[in-house]
PDB file of N, CA and C in Angstrom:
ATOM      1  N   UNK A   1      83.808 107.883 108.447  1.00  0.00           N
ATOM      2  CA  UNK A   1      84.334 106.702 109.069  1.00  0.00           C
ATOM      3  C   UNK A   1      85.848 106.838 109.171  1.00  0.00           C
ATOM      4  N   UNK A   2      86.404 106.506 110.283  1.00  0.00           N
ATOM      5  CA  UNK A   2      87.848 106.544 110.491  1.00  0.00           C
ATOM      6  C   UNK A   2      88.443 105.151 110.359  1.00  0.00           C
ATOM      7  N   UNK A   3      89.723 105.140 110.029  1.00  0.00           N
ATOM      8  CA  UNK A   3      90.428 103.872 109.970  1.00  0.00           C
ATOM      9  C   UNK A   3      90.378 103.241 108.599  1.00  0.00           C
ATOM     10  N   UNK A   4      90.937 102.071 108.459  1.00  0.00           N
ATOM     11  CA  UNK A   4      90.970 101.407 107.159  1.00  0.00           C
ATOM     12  C   UNK A   4      89.574 100.970 106.706  1.00  0.00           C
ATOM     13  N   UNK A   5      89.410 100.931 105.385  1.00  0.00           N
ATOM     14  CA  UNK A   5      88.164 100.471 104.771  1.00  0.00           C
ATOM     15  C   UNK A   5      88.442  99.100 104.190  1.00  0.00           C
ATOM     16  N   UNK A   6      87.540  98.173 104.412  1.00  0.00           N
ATOM     17  CA  UNK A   6      87.694  96.827 103.881  1.00  0.00           C
ATOM     18  C   UNK A   6      86.441  96.470 103.092  1.00  0.00           C
ATOM     19  N   UNK A   7      86.623  96.022 101.829  1.00  0.00           N
ATOM     20  CA  UNK A   7      85.515  95.658 100.954  1.00  0.00           C
ATOM     21  C   UNK A   7      85.655  94.190 100.609  1.00  0.00           C
ATOM     22  N   UNK A   8      84.582  93.425 100.780  1.00  0.00           N
ATOM     23  CA  UNK A   8      84.579  92.017 100.412  1.00  0.00           C
ATOM     24  C   UNK A   8      83.656  91.829  99.228  1.00  0.00           C
ATOM     25  N   UNK A   9      84.199  91.280  98.130  1.00  0.00           N
ATOM     26  CA  UNK A   9      83.422  91.072  96.921  1.00  0.00           C
ATOM     27  C   UNK A   9      82.587  89.808  96.989  1.00  0.00           C
ATOM     28  N   UNK A  10      81.733  89.628  95.992  1.00  0.00           N
ATOM     29  CA  UNK A  10      80.865  88.457  95.929  1.00  0.00           C
ATOM     30  C   UNK A  10      81.670  87.162  95.829  1.00  0.00           C
ATOM     31  N   UNK A  11      82.884  87.252  95.264  1.00  0.00           N
ATOM     32  CA  UNK A  11      83.731  86.066  95.121  1.00  0.00           C
ATOM     33  C   UNK A  11      84.544  85.775  96.388  1.00  0.00           C
ATOM     34  N   UNK A  12      84.387  86.596  97.425  1.00  0.00           N
ATOM     35  CA  UNK A  12      85.062  86.378  98.683  1.00  0.00           C
ATOM     36  C   UNK A  12      86.392  87.099  98.831  1.00  0.00           C
ATOM     37  N   UNK A  13      86.896  87.720  97.744  1.00  0.00           N
ATOM     38  CA  UNK A  13      88.157  88.461  97.836  1.00  0.00           C
ATOM     39  C   UNK A  13      87.937  89.733  98.635  1.00  0.00           C
ATOM     40  N   UNK A  14      88.965  90.119  99.383  1.00  0.00           N
ATOM     41  CA  UNK A  14      88.889  91.307 100.215  1.00  0.00           C
ATOM     42  C   UNK A  14      89.916  92.334  99.750  1.00  0.00           C
ATOM     43  N   UNK A  15      89.487  93.586  99.642  1.00  0.00           N
ATOM     44  CA  UNK A  15      90.377  94.700  99.315  1.00  0.00           C
ATOM     45  C   UNK A  15      90.305  95.689 100.466  1.00  0.00           C
ATOM     46  N   UNK A  16      91.455  96.256 100.834  1.00  0.00           N
ATOM     47  CA  UNK A  16      91.446  97.219 101.934  1.00  0.00           C
ATOM     48  C   UNK A  16      92.226  98.465 101.552  1.00  0.00           C
ATOM     49  N   UNK A  17      91.857  99.571 102.172  1.00  0.00           N
ATOM     50  CA  UNK A  17      92.503 100.850 101.930  1.00  0.00           C
ATOM     51  C   UNK A  17      92.579 101.615 103.242  1.00  0.00           C
ATOM     52  N   UNK A  18      93.724 102.245 103.478  1.00  0.00           N
ATOM     53  CA  UNK A  18      93.873 103.052 104.695  1.00  0.00           C
ATOM     54  C   UNK A  18      93.858 104.538 104.365  1.00  0.00           C
ATOM     55  N   UNK A  19      93.468 104.904 103.142  1.00  0.00           N
ATOM     56  CA  UNK A  19      93.409 106.298 102.730  1.00  0.00           C
ATOM     57  C   UNK A  19      92.263 107.021 103.421  1.00  0.00           C
ATOM     58  N   UNK A  20      92.364 108.337 103.499  1.00  0.00           N
ATOM     59  CA  UNK A  20      91.315 109.148 104.117  1.00  0.00           C
ATOM     60  C   UNK A  20      90.045 109.103 103.269  1.00  0.00           C
ATOM     61  N   UNK A  21      90.193 109.190 101.948  1.00  0.00           N
ATOM     62  CA  UNK A  21      89.065 109.113 101.020  1.00  0.00           C
ATOM     63  C   UNK A  21      89.273 107.885 100.144  1.00  0.00           C
ATOM     64  N   UNK A  22      88.278 107.021 100.098  1.00  0.00           N
ATOM     65  CA  UNK A  22      88.352 105.807  99.296  1.00  0.00           C
ATOM     66  C   UNK A  22      87.137 105.754  98.391  1.00  0.00           C
ATOM     67  N   UNK A  23      87.370 105.498  97.102  1.00  0.00           N
ATOM     68  CA  UNK A  23      86.277 105.414  96.136  1.00  0.00           C
ATOM     69  C   UNK A  23      86.249 104.023  95.524  1.00  0.00           C
ATOM     70  N   UNK A  24      85.063 103.544  95.237  1.00  0.00           N
ATOM     71  CA  UNK A  24      84.922 102.271  94.552  1.00  0.00           C
ATOM     72  C   UNK A  24      84.909 102.506  93.052  1.00  0.00           C
ATOM     73  N   UNK A  25      85.505 101.601  92.295  1.00  0.00           N
ATOM     74  CA  UNK A  25      85.594 101.722  90.844  1.00  0.00           C
ATOM     75  C   UNK A  25      84.335 101.165  90.193  1.00  0.00           C
ATOM     76  N   UNK A  26      83.716 101.946  89.318  1.00  0.00           N
ATOM     77  CA  UNK A  26      82.529 101.503  88.597  1.00  0.00           C
ATOM     78  C   UNK A  26      82.843 101.182  87.135  1.00  0.00           C
ATOM     79  N   UNK A  27      84.014 101.602  86.646  1.00  0.00           N
ATOM     80  CA  UNK A  27      84.332 101.408  85.224  1.00  0.00           C
ATOM     81  C   UNK A  27      85.214 100.188  84.970  1.00  0.00           C
ATOM     82  N   UNK A  28      85.764  99.591  86.005  1.00  0.00           N
ATOM     83  CA  UNK A  28      86.628  98.402  85.939  1.00  0.00           C
ATOM     84  C   UNK A  28      87.964  98.647  85.241  1.00  0.00           C
ATOM     85  N   UNK A  29      88.403  99.901  85.122  1.00  0.00           N
ATOM     86  CA  UNK A  29      89.704 100.209  84.522  1.00  0.00           C
ATOM     87  C   UNK A  29      90.818 100.265  85.570  1.00  0.00           C
ATOM     88  N   UNK A  30      90.469 100.198  86.820  1.00  0.00           N
ATOM     89  CA  UNK A  30      91.426 100.352  87.909  1.00  0.00           C
ATOM     90  C   UNK A  30      92.319  99.122  88.072  1.00  0.00           C
ATOM     91  N   UNK A  31      93.591  99.360  88.282  1.00  0.00           N
ATOM     92  CA  UNK A  31      94.519  98.270  88.589  1.00  0.00           C
ATOM     93  C   UNK A  31      94.296  97.778  90.019  1.00  0.00           C
ATOM     94  N   UNK A  32      93.609  98.580  90.819  1.00  0.00           N
ATOM     95  CA  UNK A  32      93.325  98.232  92.211  1.00  0.00           C
ATOM     96  C   UNK A  32      91.882  97.782  92.417  1.00  0.00           C
ATOM     97  N   UNK A  33      91.174  97.439  91.322  1.00  0.00           N
ATOM     98  CA  UNK A  33      89.760  97.090  91.397  1.00  0.00           C
ATOM     99  C   UNK A  33      89.505  96.142  92.559  1.00  0.00           C
ATOM    100  N   UNK A  34      88.536  96.391  93.399  1.00  0.00           N
ATOM    101  CA  UNK A  34      87.371  97.251  93.299  1.00  0.00           C
ATOM    102  C   UNK A  34      87.581  98.676  93.789  1.00  0.00           C
ATOM    103  N   UNK A  35      88.819  99.039  94.151  1.00  0.00           N
ATOM    104  CA  UNK A  35      89.092 100.409  94.573  1.00  0.00           C
ATOM    105  C   UNK A  35      89.503 101.237  93.365  1.00  0.00           C
ATOM    106  N   UNK A  36      89.117 102.489  93.330  1.00  0.00           N
ATOM    107  CA  UNK A  36      89.415 103.387  92.214  1.00  0.00           C
ATOM    108  C   UNK A  36      90.832 103.936  92.332  1.00  0.00           C
ATOM    109  N   UNK A  37      91.578 103.910  91.209  1.00  0.00           N
ATOM    110  CA  UNK A  37      92.908 104.525  91.167  1.00  0.00           C
ATOM    111  C   UNK A  37      92.955 105.635  90.115  1.00  0.00           C
ATOM    112  N   UNK A  38      91.805 106.107  89.681  1.00  0.00           N
ATOM    113  CA  UNK A  38      91.597 107.175  88.690  1.00  0.00           C
ATOM    114  C   UNK A  38      92.113 106.812  87.302  1.00  0.00           C
ATOM    115  N   UNK A  39      92.211 105.536  86.971  1.00  0.00           N
ATOM    116  CA  UNK A  39      92.626 105.106  85.637  1.00  0.00           C
ATOM    117  C   UNK A  39      91.636 105.535  84.558  1.00  0.00           C
ATOM    118  N   UNK A  40      90.429 105.856  84.945  1.00  0.00           N
ATOM    119  CA  UNK A  40      89.396 106.242  83.982  1.00  0.00           C
ATOM    120  C   UNK A  40      89.609 107.646  83.417  1.00  0.00           C
ATOM    121  N   UNK A  41      90.373 108.461  84.066  1.00  0.00           N
ATOM    122  CA  UNK A  41      90.513 109.861  83.664  1.00  0.00           C
ATOM    123  C   UNK A  41      91.013 110.062  82.230  1.00  0.00           C
ATOM    124  N   UNK A  42      92.030 109.339  81.762  1.00  0.00           N
ATOM    125  CA  UNK A  42      92.471 109.557  80.371  1.00  0.00           C
ATOM    126  C   UNK A  42      91.456 109.062  79.340  1.00  0.00           C
ATOM    127  N   UNK A  43      90.474 108.296  79.736  1.00  0.00           N
ATOM    128  CA  UNK A  43      89.515 107.704  78.805  1.00  0.00           C
ATOM    129  C   UNK A  43      88.225 108.505  78.684  1.00  0.00           C
ATOM    130  N   UNK A  44      88.169 109.681  79.292  1.00  0.00           N
ATOM    131  CA  UNK A  44      86.936 110.493  79.272  1.00  0.00           C
ATOM    132  C   UNK A  44      86.545 110.877  77.858  1.00  0.00           C
ATOM    133  N   UNK A  45      85.244 110.842  77.607  1.00  0.00           N
ATOM    134  CA  UNK A  45      84.712 111.338  76.342  1.00  0.00           C
ATOM    135  C   UNK A  45      84.473 112.829  76.467  1.00  0.00           C
ATOM    136  N   UNK A  46      84.696 113.555  75.417  1.00  0.00           N
ATOM    137  CA  UNK A  46      84.513 115.011  75.437  1.00  0.00           C
ATOM    138  C   UNK A  46      83.125 115.366  75.003  1.00  0.00           C
TER     139      UNK A  46
END
C-alpha cells in the first residue's frame, strides 16, 4: 500500500504514519501506541 497509513482505535482515536513500513505495537511499550517505535527491544528476554 502506498501513502500514509491511518489506524482508528475502538475509542475513536486516530493514529497516522507516512513511513514506508509501519508496524502496529502489540506490547504497549510504544510512546507512539498503537504504532510501534521499537521500545520493546531493550526489554527482550534472553
